[in-house]
Amino acid sequence: MRETRRTRRSRRAAAALTAAFLLMTGALTGCDSSSDPNAHGSPAKRRPTPTPVWDRSPDSIAAVGDSITRGFDACVVLSDCPEVSWATGTDTKVRSLAMRLIGEPAIAERSWNYARSGADVADLPEQMAQAAAKKPELVTVMVGANDACADSAERMTTVENFRRSFEGALKQLRRTAPKTQVYVSSVPDLKRLWSAGRGNPLGRQIWKLGICASMLGDADDVSTRAQTRRARVQDRVVAYNEVLKAVCGKDPRCRYDGGAVFDFRFSGEQLSRWDWFHPSRDGQERLAEIAYRNVTSAKPPA
């Protein structure tokens, strides 16, 4: 009988120890499970870090657009001067977007300028095809001034045609270079250019040769009719910029400048001393600063 009681006591003690061990094991397992969601299953898997859609430091650049991007009238009268182009120029004073992003030694090998003086938005698809063939990491676009600068306000490019051509240009790029980024500059404020240059006698004489007649024609005329004409041109430029913003906004790899170029107040120093309309070297430098700030910004302009 004593042996039986001793045996029972031993069994109860062993059972108690076993229960305590199991409780401790369960508690430890519970702690591990709460801190490691994969404790009961497959090994932990790291989620890949998503690659940002917008690369703030592209390593190759192509430029498309019109005379502004060609540096027209910035160095010599009635001539292109691509070395001072805000987009791809090599002038160390201007410090173009390409120079700021790529650096001077490599700029000749990794930047291309397909803009053309006199070009309007209808020329953009062809220029974009040339740019796409280089597979650049970034394409800059500045176009629209010539669409508004017609012989008369009635001959300006319609908003519908402007949209169609710009959409076609982006589609042309995407066929060949689907991952290329696009930076779109707004059309400059032509009415502000008229206001800044009309006080210069030489500028007024050159404007009579037909430079942007829809806005600059009869520069001294401030009659109601002339003011109405200029307002019409101004409204068309605003509409073009709305198109650029809307179409660009549908492409995750496109960034519009938020109207920064349109809002920039070009002064006499920033305008060509030959035509008081195109940007001077100083004006090209200002455009390069705006572009660099927007391209490298963590967030697109508002």
C-alpha atoms as a PDB file:
ATOM      1  CA  MET A   1       0.000   0.000   0.000  1.00  0.00           C
ATOM      2  CA  ARG A   2       2.832   2.399   0.878  1.00  0.00           C
ATOM      3  CA  GLU A   3       4.482   1.519  -2.430  1.00  0.00           C
ATOM      4  CA  THR A   4       1.312   2.267  -4.317  1.00  0.00           C
ATOM      5  CA  ARG A   5       0.975   5.719  -2.664  1.00  0.00           C
ATOM      6  CA  ARG A   6       4.619   6.472  -3.422  1.00  0.00           C
ATOM      7  CA  THR A   7       4.058   5.447  -7.001  1.00  0.00           C
ATOM      8  CA  ARG A   8       0.982   7.691  -7.294  1.00  0.00           C
ATOM      9  CA  ARG A   9       2.854  10.618  -5.786  1.00  0.00           C
ATOM     10  CA  SER A  10       5.671  10.061  -8.279  1.00  0.00           C
ATOM     11  CA  ARG A  11       3.214   9.925 -11.148  1.00  0.00           C
ATOM     12  CA  ARG A  12       1.474  13.135 -10.008  1.00  0.00           C
ATOM     13  CA  ALA A  13       4.816  14.910  -9.699  1.00  0.00           C
ATOM     14  CA  ALA A  14       5.879  13.777 -13.151  1.00  0.00           C
ATOM     15  CA  ALA A  15       2.569  14.886 -14.619  1.00  0.00           C
ATOM     16  CA  ALA A  16       2.896  18.289 -13.003  1.00  0.00           C
ATOM     17  CA  LEU A  17       6.407  18.750 -14.363  1.00  0.00           C
ATOM     18  CA  THR A  18       5.268  17.700 -17.818  1.00  0.00           C
ATOM     19  CA  ALA A  19       2.349  20.166 -17.739  1.00  0.00           C
ATOM     20  CA  ALA A  20       4.617  22.975 -16.625  1.00  0.00           C
ATOM     21  CA  PHE A  21       7.066  22.194 -19.417  1.00  0.00           C
ATOM     22  CA  LEU A  22       4.310  22.189 -22.013  1.00  0.00           C
ATOM     23  CA  LEU A  23       2.959  25.540 -20.759  1.00  0.00           C
ATOM     24  CA  MET A  24       6.388  27.132 -20.918  1.00  0.00           C
ATOM     25  CA  THR A  25       6.981  25.755 -24.408  1.00  0.00           C
ATOM     26  CA  GLY A  26       3.612  27.058 -25.584  1.00  0.00           C
ATOM     27  CA  ALA A  27       4.259  30.489 -24.133  1.00  0.00           C
ATOM     28  CA  LEU A  28       7.643  30.754 -25.825  1.00  0.00           C
ATOM     29  CA  THR A  29       6.200  29.539 -29.091  1.00  0.00           C
ATOM     30  CA  GLY A  30       3.427  32.136 -28.815  1.00  0.00           C
ATOM     31  CA  CYS A  31       5.965  34.922 -28.351  1.00  0.00           C
ATOM     32  CA  ASP A  32       7.924  33.821 -31.394  1.00  0.00           C
ATOM     33  CA  SER A  33       4.773  33.552 -33.481  1.00  0.00           C
ATOM     34  CA  SER A  34       3.635  37.058 -32.648  1.00  0.00           C
ATOM     35  CA  SER A  35       6.980  38.571 -33.549  1.00  0.00           C
ATOM     36  CA  ASP A  36       7.554  36.496 -36.678  1.00  0.00           C
ATOM     37  CA  PRO A  37       4.548  36.007 -38.952  1.00  0.00           C
ATOM     38  CA  ASN A  38       6.370  33.228 -40.781  1.00  0.00           C
ATOM     39  CA  ALA A  39       7.155  31.122 -37.687  1.00  0.00           C
ATOM     40  CA  HIS A  40       4.569  28.474 -38.605  1.00  0.00           C
ATOM     41  CA  GLY A  41       5.110  28.515 -42.358  1.00  0.00           C
ATOM     42  CA  SER A  42       7.665  29.148 -45.058  1.00  0.00           C
ATOM     43  CA  PRO A  43      10.837  31.208 -44.472  1.00  0.00           C
ATOM     44  CA  ALA A  44      10.424  34.969 -44.319  1.00  0.00           C
ATOM     45  CA  LYS A  45      10.176  36.663 -47.720  1.00  0.00           C
ATOM     46  CA  ARG A  46      11.241  40.274 -48.211  1.00  0.00           C
ATOM     47  CA  ARG A  47       8.953  42.404 -50.282  1.00  0.00           C
ATOM     48  CA  PRO A  48      10.832  44.071 -53.130  1.00  0.00           C
ATOM     49  CA  THR A  49      11.229  47.822 -52.774  1.00  0.00           C
ATOM     50  CA  PRO A  50       9.157  49.474 -55.534  1.00  0.00           C
ATOM     51  CA  THR A  51      11.192  51.412 -58.078  1.00  0.00           C
ATOM     52  CA  PRO A  52      10.075  55.067 -58.291  1.00  0.00           C
ATOM     53  CA  VAL A  53       8.377  55.860 -61.596  1.00  0.00           C
ATOM     54  CA  TRP A  54      10.200  59.188 -61.927  1.00  0.00           C
ATOM     55  CA  ASP A  55      14.008  59.033 -62.019  1.00  0.00           C
ATOM     56  CA  ARG A  56      15.371  62.314 -60.664  1.00  0.00           C
ATOM     57  CA  SER A  57      18.827  61.807 -62.166  1.00  0.00           C
ATOM     58  CA  PRO A  58      18.456  60.704 -65.809  1.00  0.00           C
ATOM     59  CA  ASP A  59      21.725  59.988 -67.553  1.00  0.00           C
ATOM     60  CA  SER A  60      20.847  60.868 -71.164  1.00  0.00           C
ATOM     61  CA  ILE A  61      18.663  63.633 -72.643  1.00  0.00           C
ATOM     62  CA  ALA A  62      17.068  64.447 -75.979  1.00  0.00           C
ATOM     63  CA  ALA A  63      15.357  67.768 -76.666  1.00  0.00           C
ATOM     64  CA  VAL A  64      12.475  68.530 -79.028  1.00  0.00           C
ATOM     65  CA  GLY A  65      10.634  71.745 -79.749  1.00  0.00           C
ATOM     66  CA  ASP A  66      11.164  75.099 -81.421  1.00  0.00           C
ATOM     67  CA  SER A  67      13.603  78.017 -81.696  1.00  0.00           C
ATOM     68  CA  ILE A  68      13.832  78.600 -77.948  1.00  0.00           C
ATOM     69  CA  THR A  69      15.437  75.185 -77.465  1.00  0.00           C
ATOM     70  CA  ARG A  70      17.759  75.928 -80.409  1.00  0.00           C
ATOM     71  CA  GLY A  71      19.011  79.118 -78.731  1.00  0.00           C
ATOM     72  CA  PHE A  72      17.830  81.256 -81.670  1.00  0.00           C
ATOM     73  CA  ASP A  73      19.047  84.891 -81.574  1.00  0.00           C
ATOM     74  CA  ALA A  74      20.907  84.302 -78.307  1.00  0.00           C
ATOM     75  CA  CYS A  75      24.427  84.599 -79.804  1.00  0.00           C
ATOM     76  CA  VAL A  76      24.168  85.918 -83.380  1.00  0.00           C
ATOM     77  CA  VAL A  77      21.329  87.738 -85.091  1.00  0.00           C
ATOM     78  CA  LEU A  78      18.854  85.509 -86.916  1.00  0.00           C
ATOM     79  CA  SER A  79      20.854  82.343 -86.176  1.00  0.00           C
ATOM     80  CA  ASP A  80      20.568  79.257 -83.995  1.00  0.00           C
ATOM     81  CA  CYS A  81      23.004  78.916 -81.118  1.00  0.00           C
ATOM     82  CA  PRO A  82      22.428  75.396 -79.726  1.00  0.00           C
ATOM     83  CA  GLU A  83      25.451  75.623 -77.451  1.00  0.00           C
ATOM     84  CA  VAL A  84      23.441  77.931 -75.166  1.00  0.00           C
ATOM     85  CA  SER A  85      20.243  75.843 -75.282  1.00  0.00           C
ATOM     86  CA  TRP A  86      18.618  75.516 -71.865  1.00  0.00           C
ATOM     87  CA  ALA A  87      18.094  71.804 -72.529  1.00  0.00           C
ATOM     88  CA  THR A  88      21.277  70.426 -74.079  1.00  0.00           C
ATOM     89  CA  GLY A  89      23.727  73.322 -74.431  1.00  0.00           C
ATOM     90  CA  THR A  90      27.422  73.170 -73.583  1.00  0.00           C
ATOM     91  CA  ASP A  91      27.896  76.812 -72.547  1.00  0.00           C
ATOM     92  CA  THR A  92      29.342  76.877 -69.023  1.00  0.00           C
ATOM     93  CA  LYS A  93      27.528  80.081 -68.127  1.00  0.00           C
ATOM     94  CA  VAL A  94      24.092  78.767 -69.068  1.00  0.00           C
ATOM     95  CA  ARG A  95      24.739  75.359 -67.489  1.00  0.00           C
ATOM     96  CA  SER A  96      22.003  73.576 -69.369  1.00  0.00           C
ATOM     97  CA  LEU A  97      19.800  70.870 -67.931  1.00  0.00           C
ATOM     98  CA  ALA A  98      21.996  68.249 -69.587  1.00  0.00           C
ATOM     99  CA  MET A  99      25.155  69.773 -68.136  1.00  0.00           C
ATOM    100  CA  ARG A 100      23.674  69.882 -64.652  1.00  0.00           C
ATOM    101  CA  LEU A 101      22.460  66.279 -64.810  1.00  0.00           C
ATOM    102  CA  ILE A 102      25.083  64.516 -66.927  1.00  0.00           C
ATOM    103  CA  GLY A 103      28.182  66.664 -66.575  1.00  0.00           C
ATOM    104  CA  GLU A 104      30.355  68.399 -69.130  1.00  0.00           C
ATOM    105  CA  PRO A 105      32.638  65.513 -70.226  1.00  0.00           C
ATOM    106  CA  ALA A 106      29.769  63.199 -71.237  1.00  0.00           C
ATOM    107  CA  ILE A 107      27.238  65.721 -72.518  1.00  0.00           C
ATOM    108  CA  ALA A 108      28.313  65.381 -76.155  1.00  0.00           C
ATOM    109  CA  GLU A 109      27.780  61.617 -76.077  1.00  0.00           C
ATOM    110  CA  ARG A 110      24.545  61.469 -74.101  1.00  0.00           C
ATOM    111  CA  SER A 111      22.471  64.472 -75.224  1.00  0.00           C
ATOM    112  CA  TRP A 112      20.768  65.285 -78.543  1.00  0.00           C
ATOM    113  CA  ASN A 113      18.877  68.371 -79.756  1.00  0.00           C
ATOM    114  CA  TYR A 114      16.180  67.705 -82.375  1.00  0.00           C
ATOM    115  CA  ALA A 115      14.321  71.005 -81.906  1.00  0.00           C
ATOM    116  CA  ARG A 116      13.952  73.225 -84.975  1.00  0.00           C
ATOM    117  CA  SER A 117      13.486  76.966 -85.288  1.00  0.00           C
ATOM    118  CA  GLY A 118      10.040  77.711 -86.674  1.00  0.00           C
ATOM    119  CA  ALA A 119       8.602  74.353 -85.577  1.00  0.00           C
ATOM    120  CA  ASP A 120       5.103  74.076 -84.178  1.00  0.00           C
ATOM    121  CA  VAL A 121       3.300  71.220 -82.462  1.00  0.00           C
ATOM    122  CA  ALA A 122       2.551  69.490 -85.783  1.00  0.00           C
ATOM    123  CA  ASP A 123       6.310  68.922 -86.178  1.00  0.00           C
ATOM    124  CA  LEU A 124       6.597  67.287 -82.786  1.00  0.00           C
ATOM    125  CA  PRO A 125       5.793  63.647 -83.720  1.00  0.00           C
ATOM    126  CA  GLU A 126       8.653  63.568 -86.247  1.00  0.00           C
ATOM    127  CA  GLN A 127      11.070  65.130 -83.781  1.00  0.00           C
ATOM    128  CA  MET A 128       9.937  62.686 -81.113  1.00  0.00           C
ATOM    129  CA  ALA A 129      10.598  59.755 -83.425  1.00  0.00           C
ATOM    130  CA  GLN A 130      14.170  60.971 -83.867  1.00  0.00           C
ATOM    131  CA  ALA A 131      14.575  61.348 -80.128  1.00  0.00           C
ATOM    132  CA  ALA A 132      13.068  57.931 -79.396  1.00  0.00           C
ATOM    133  CA  ALA A 133      15.593  56.237 -81.680  1.00  0.00           C
ATOM    134  CA  LYS A 134      18.335  57.257 -79.208  1.00  0.00           C
ATOM    135  CA  LYS A 135      16.449  55.643 -76.286  1.00  0.00           C
ATOM    136  CA  PRO A 136      17.208  58.570 -73.958  1.00  0.00           C
ATOM    137  CA  GLU A 137      16.275  58.432 -70.294  1.00  0.00           C
ATOM    138  CA  LEU A 138      14.645  61.887 -70.591  1.00  0.00           C
ATOM    139  CA  VAL A 139      13.081  63.929 -73.395  1.00  0.00           C
ATOM    140  CA  THR A 140      12.439  67.647 -72.906  1.00  0.00           C
ATOM    141  CA  VAL A 141       9.586  69.364 -74.737  1.00  0.00           C
ATOM    142  CA  MET A 142       9.048  73.076 -75.302  1.00  0.00           C
ATOM    143  CA  VAL A 143       6.570  73.854 -78.052  1.00  0.00           C
ATOM    144  CA  GLY A 144       3.518  76.021 -78.694  1.00  0.00           C
ATOM    145  CA  ALA A 145       4.833  79.558 -79.106  1.00  0.00           C
ATOM    146  CA  ASN A 146       4.809  79.288 -82.910  1.00  0.00           C
ATOM    147  CA  ASP A 147       1.297  77.851 -82.827  1.00  0.00           C
ATOM    148  CA  ALA A 148       0.133  81.081 -81.199  1.00  0.00           C
ATOM    149  CA  CYS A 149       2.557  83.317 -83.128  1.00  0.00           C
ATOM    150  CA  ALA A 150       0.714  83.192 -86.434  1.00  0.00           C
ATOM    151  CA  ASP A 151       0.362  85.941 -89.020  1.00  0.00           C
ATOM    152  CA  SER A 152      -2.979  86.734 -87.409  1.00  0.00           C
ATOM    153  CA  ALA A 153      -5.012  85.549 -84.449  1.00  0.00           C
ATOM    154  CA  GLU A 154      -7.363  83.762 -86.834  1.00  0.00           C
ATOM    155  CA  ARG A 155      -4.538  81.534 -88.090  1.00  0.00           C
ATOM    156  CA  MET A 156      -3.418  80.221 -84.716  1.00  0.00           C
ATOM    157  CA  THR A 157      -3.425  76.433 -84.265  1.00  0.00           C
ATOM    158  CA  THR A 158      -6.749  75.302 -82.856  1.00  0.00           C
ATOM    159  CA  VAL A 159      -6.766  73.776 -79.400  1.00  0.00           C
ATOM    160  CA  GLU A 160      -8.132  70.513 -80.811  1.00  0.00           C
ATOM    161  CA  ASN A 161      -5.322  70.202 -83.354  1.00  0.00           C
ATOM    162  CA  PHE A 162      -2.771  71.133 -80.724  1.00  0.00           C
ATOM    163  CA  ARG A 163      -4.023  68.323 -78.496  1.00  0.00           C
ATOM    164  CA  ARG A 164      -4.060  65.827 -81.351  1.00  0.00           C
ATOM    165  CA  SER A 165      -0.480  66.552 -82.342  1.00  0.00           C
ATOM    166  CA  PHE A 166       0.846  66.479 -78.790  1.00  0.00           C
ATOM    167  CA  GLU A 167      -0.906  63.191 -78.042  1.00  0.00           C
ATOM    168  CA  GLY A 168       0.495  61.799 -81.290  1.00  0.00           C
ATOM    169  CA  ALA A 169       4.006  62.851 -80.297  1.00  0.00           C
ATOM    170  CA  LEU A 170       3.799  61.013 -76.970  1.00  0.00           C
ATOM    171  CA  LYS A 171       2.411  57.910 -78.672  1.00  0.00           C
ATOM    172  CA  GLN A 172       5.278  58.072 -81.151  1.00  0.00           C
ATOM    173  CA  LEU A 173       7.758  58.101 -78.283  1.00  0.00           C
ATOM    174  CA  ARG A 174       6.086  55.239 -76.442  1.00  0.00           C
ATOM    175  CA  ARG A 175       6.222  52.948 -79.481  1.00  0.00           C
ATOM    176  CA  THR A 176      10.012  52.925 -79.348  1.00  0.00           C
ATOM    177  CA  ALA A 177      10.950  54.106 -75.866  1.00  0.00           C
ATOM    178  CA  PRO A 178       8.173  53.144 -73.411  1.00  0.00           C
ATOM    179  CA  LYS A 179      10.242  53.915 -70.309  1.00  0.00           C
ATOM    180  CA  THR A 180      11.678  57.259 -71.399  1.00  0.00           C
ATOM    181  CA  GLN A 181      10.669  60.136 -69.145  1.00  0.00           C
ATOM    182  CA  VAL A 182       9.250  63.351 -70.575  1.00  0.00           C
ATOM    183  CA  TYR A 183       9.644  66.831 -69.123  1.00  0.00           C
ATOM    184  CA  VAL A 184       7.198  69.341 -70.633  1.00  0.00           C
ATOM    185  CA  SER A 185       7.758  73.089 -70.337  1.00  0.00           C
ATOM    186  CA  SER A 186       4.785  75.408 -70.486  1.00  0.00           C
ATOM    187  CA  VAL A 187       4.424  77.885 -73.346  1.00  0.00           C
ATOM    188  CA  PRO A 188       5.879  81.287 -72.353  1.00  0.00           C
ATOM    189  CA  ASP A 189       3.575  84.201 -71.604  1.00  0.00           C
ATOM    190  CA  LEU A 190       3.680  85.998 -74.976  1.00  0.00           C
ATOM    191  CA  LYS A 191       1.753  88.981 -73.704  1.00  0.00           C
ATOM    192  CA  ARG A 192       4.332  89.545 -70.996  1.00  0.00           C
ATOM    193  CA  LEU A 193       7.067  89.391 -73.649  1.00  0.00           C
ATOM    194  CA  TRP A 194       5.199  92.087 -75.597  1.00  0.00           C
ATOM    195  CA  SER A 195       4.964  94.204 -72.453  1.00  0.00           C
ATOM    196  CA  ALA A 196       8.679  93.757 -71.624  1.00  0.00           C
ATOM    197  CA  GLY A 197       9.965  94.485 -75.143  1.00  0.00           C
ATOM    198  CA  ARG A 198       7.640  97.166 -76.482  1.00  0.00           C
ATOM    199  CA  GLY A 199       9.581  99.927 -74.766  1.00  0.00           C
ATOM    200  CA  ASN A 200      12.733  99.172 -76.768  1.00  0.00           C
ATOM    201  CA  PRO A 201      12.898 101.090 -80.077  1.00  0.00           C
ATOM    202  CA  LEU A 202      15.091  98.477 -81.770  1.00  0.00           C
ATOM    203  CA  GLY A 203      12.795  95.683 -80.642  1.00  0.00           C
ATOM    204  CA  ARG A 204       9.733  97.431 -82.045  1.00  0.00           C
ATOM    205  CA  GLN A 205      11.456  97.885 -85.420  1.00  0.00           C
ATOM    206  CA  ILE A 206      12.445  94.225 -85.611  1.00  0.00           C
ATOM    207  CA  TRP A 207       8.954  93.120 -84.618  1.00  0.00           C
ATOM    208  CA  LYS A 208       7.694  94.887 -87.726  1.00  0.00           C
ATOM    209  CA  LEU A 209       9.514  92.258 -89.793  1.00  0.00           C
ATOM    210  CA  GLY A 210       6.805  89.825 -88.769  1.00  0.00           C
ATOM    211  CA  ILE A 211       7.988  88.240 -85.505  1.00  0.00           C
ATOM    212  CA  CYS A 212       4.901  86.824 -83.752  1.00  0.00           C
ATOM    213  CA  ALA A 213       2.570  89.198 -85.575  1.00  0.00           C
ATOM    214  CA  SER A 214      -0.515  87.940 -83.758  1.00  0.00           C
ATOM    215  CA  MET A 215       0.860  89.323 -80.486  1.00  0.00           C
ATOM    216  CA  LEU A 216       3.652  91.765 -81.378  1.00  0.00           C
ATOM    217  CA  GLY A 217       2.190  93.347 -84.502  1.00  0.00           C
ATOM    218  CA  ASP A 218       1.471  97.087 -84.156  1.00  0.00           C
ATOM    219  CA  ALA A 219       3.234  97.019 -80.810  1.00  0.00           C
ATOM    220  CA  ASP A 220       2.360 100.626 -79.981  1.00  0.00           C
ATOM    221  CA  ASP A 221      -1.323 100.166 -80.729  1.00  0.00           C
ATOM    222  CA  VAL A 222      -3.242 100.016 -77.449  1.00  0.00           C
ATOM    223  CA  SER A 223      -6.694 100.448 -78.953  1.00  0.00           C
ATOM    224  CA  THR A 224      -9.546  98.223 -77.887  1.00  0.00           C
ATOM    225  CA  ARG A 225      -9.217  96.212 -81.068  1.00  0.00           C
ATOM    226  CA  ALA A 226      -5.498  95.583 -80.562  1.00  0.00           C
ATOM    227  CA  GLN A 227      -5.984  94.709 -76.908  1.00  0.00           C
ATOM    228  CA  THR A 228      -8.740  92.279 -77.839  1.00  0.00           C
ATOM    229  CA  ARG A 229      -6.439  90.613 -80.352  1.00  0.00           C
ATOM    230  CA  ARG A 230      -3.664  90.212 -77.790  1.00  0.00           C
ATOM    231  CA  ALA A 231      -6.098  88.865 -75.234  1.00  0.00           C
ATOM    232  CA  ARG A 232      -7.245  86.275 -77.739  1.00  0.00           C
ATOM    233  CA  VAL A 233      -3.663  85.135 -78.297  1.00  0.00           C
ATOM    234  CA  GLN A 234      -3.098  85.047 -74.553  1.00  0.00           C
ATOM    235  CA  ASP A 235      -6.175  82.885 -74.038  1.00  0.00           C
ATOM    236  CA  ARG A 236      -4.947  80.485 -76.700  1.00  0.00           C
ATOM    237  CA  VAL A 237      -1.573  80.127 -74.954  1.00  0.00           C
ATOM    238  CA  VAL A 238      -3.350  79.395 -71.680  1.00  0.00           C
ATOM    239  CA  ALA A 239      -5.441  76.761 -73.458  1.00  0.00           C
ATOM    240  CA  TYR A 240      -2.316  75.161 -74.949  1.00  0.00           C
ATOM    241  CA  ASN A 241      -0.799  74.906 -71.484  1.00  0.00           C
ATOM    242  CA  GLU A 242      -3.946  73.271 -70.176  1.00  0.00           C
ATOM    243  CA  VAL A 243      -3.618  70.677 -72.943  1.00  0.00           C
ATOM    244  CA  LEU A 244       0.040  70.046 -72.114  1.00  0.00           C
ATOM    245  CA  LYS A 245      -0.820  69.573 -68.456  1.00  0.00           C
ATOM    246  CA  ALA A 246      -3.802  67.287 -69.086  1.00  0.00           C
ATOM    247  CA  VAL A 247      -2.159  65.039 -71.684  1.00  0.00           C
ATOM    248  CA  CYS A 248       1.098  64.799 -69.745  1.00  0.00           C
ATOM    249  CA  GLY A 249      -0.850  64.006 -66.574  1.00  0.00           C
ATOM    250  CA  LYS A 250      -2.163  60.796 -68.126  1.00  0.00           C
ATOM    251  CA  ASP A 251       1.360  59.430 -68.590  1.00  0.00           C
ATOM    252  CA  PRO A 252       3.067  58.308 -65.332  1.00  0.00           C
ATOM    253  CA  ARG A 253       6.484  59.036 -66.869  1.00  0.00           C
ATOM    254  CA  CYS A 254       5.622  62.578 -67.935  1.00  0.00           C
ATOM    255  CA  ARG A 255       6.099  65.690 -65.795  1.00  0.00           C
ATOM    256  CA  TYR A 256       4.665  69.135 -66.639  1.00  0.00           C
ATOM    257  CA  ASP A 257       6.421  72.197 -65.215  1.00  0.00           C
ATOM    258  CA  GLY A 258       3.283  73.437 -63.469  1.00  0.00           C
ATOM    259  CA  GLY A 259       3.264  76.628 -65.558  1.00  0.00           C
ATOM    260  CA  ALA A 260       6.705  77.717 -64.324  1.00  0.00           C
ATOM    261  CA  VAL A 261       7.927  79.012 -67.704  1.00  0.00           C
ATOM    262  CA  PHE A 262       4.615  80.771 -68.374  1.00  0.00           C
ATOM    263  CA  ASP A 263       4.848  82.454 -64.963  1.00  0.00           C
ATOM    264  CA  PHE A 264       8.493  83.515 -65.340  1.00  0.00           C
ATOM    265  CA  ARG A 265       8.868  87.279 -65.751  1.00  0.00           C
ATOM    266  CA  PHE A 266      11.410  87.722 -68.543  1.00  0.00           C
ATOM    267  CA  SER A 267      13.114  91.090 -68.215  1.00  0.00           C
ATOM    268  CA  GLY A 268      15.347  92.949 -70.657  1.00  0.00           C
ATOM    269  CA  GLU A 269      18.413  90.981 -69.527  1.00  0.00           C
ATOM    270  CA  GLN A 270      16.708  87.700 -70.294  1.00  0.00           C
ATOM    271  CA  LEU A 271      15.626  88.695 -73.827  1.00  0.00           C
ATOM    272  CA  SER A 272      17.677  88.717 -77.028  1.00  0.00           C
ATOM    273  CA  ARG A 273      19.157  92.143 -77.790  1.00  0.00           C
ATOM    274  CA  TRP A 274      18.382  91.514 -81.466  1.00  0.00           C
ATOM    275  CA  ASP A 275      14.695  90.678 -81.342  1.00  0.00           C
ATOM    276  CA  TRP A 276      13.547  91.307 -77.759  1.00  0.00           C
ATOM    277  CA  PHE A 277      11.498  88.140 -77.963  1.00  0.00           C
ATOM    278  CA  HIS A 278      13.684  85.029 -77.786  1.00  0.00           C
ATOM    279  CA  PRO A 279      15.629  84.300 -74.583  1.00  0.00           C
ATOM    280  CA  SER A 280      19.173  85.635 -74.322  1.00  0.00           C
ATOM    281  CA  ARG A 281      21.992  83.644 -72.721  1.00  0.00           C
ATOM    282  CA  ASP A 282      20.729  84.868 -69.376  1.00  0.00           C
ATOM    283  CA  GLY A 283      17.191  83.848 -70.280  1.00  0.00           C
ATOM    284  CA  GLN A 284      18.390  80.403 -71.341  1.00  0.00           C
ATOM    285  CA  GLU A 285      20.132  80.056 -67.983  1.00  0.00           C
ATOM    286  CA  ARG A 286      16.879  80.880 -66.184  1.00  0.00           C
ATOM    287  CA  LEU A 287      15.053  78.232 -68.223  1.00  0.00           C
ATOM    288  CA  ALA A 288      17.739  75.679 -67.347  1.00  0.00           C
ATOM    289  CA  GLU A 289      17.340  76.480 -63.646  1.00  0.00           C
ATOM    290  CA  ILE A 290      13.582  75.993 -63.828  1.00  0.00           C
ATOM    291  CA  ALA A 291      13.926  72.676 -65.643  1.00  0.00           C
ATOM    292  CA  TYR A 292      16.590  71.321 -63.290  1.00  0.00           C
ATOM    293  CA  ARG A 293      14.545  72.245 -60.232  1.00  0.00           C
ATOM    294  CA  ASN A 294      11.455  70.486 -61.573  1.00  0.00           C
ATOM    295  CA  VAL A 295      13.203  67.393 -62.939  1.00  0.00           C
ATOM    296  CA  THR A 296      15.089  66.742 -59.694  1.00  0.00           C
ATOM    297  CA  SER A 297      12.206  67.545 -57.375  1.00  0.00           C
ATOM    298  CA  ALA A 298      10.866  64.670 -55.263  1.00  0.00           C
ATOM    299  CA  LYS A 299       7.341  65.661 -56.261  1.00  0.00           C
ATOM    300  CA  PRO A 300       6.017  67.084 -59.528  1.00  0.00           C
ATOM    301  CA  PRO A 301       5.084  70.798 -59.605  1.00  0.00           C
ATOM    302  CA  ALA A 302       1.611  71.532 -58.324  1.00  0.00           C
END
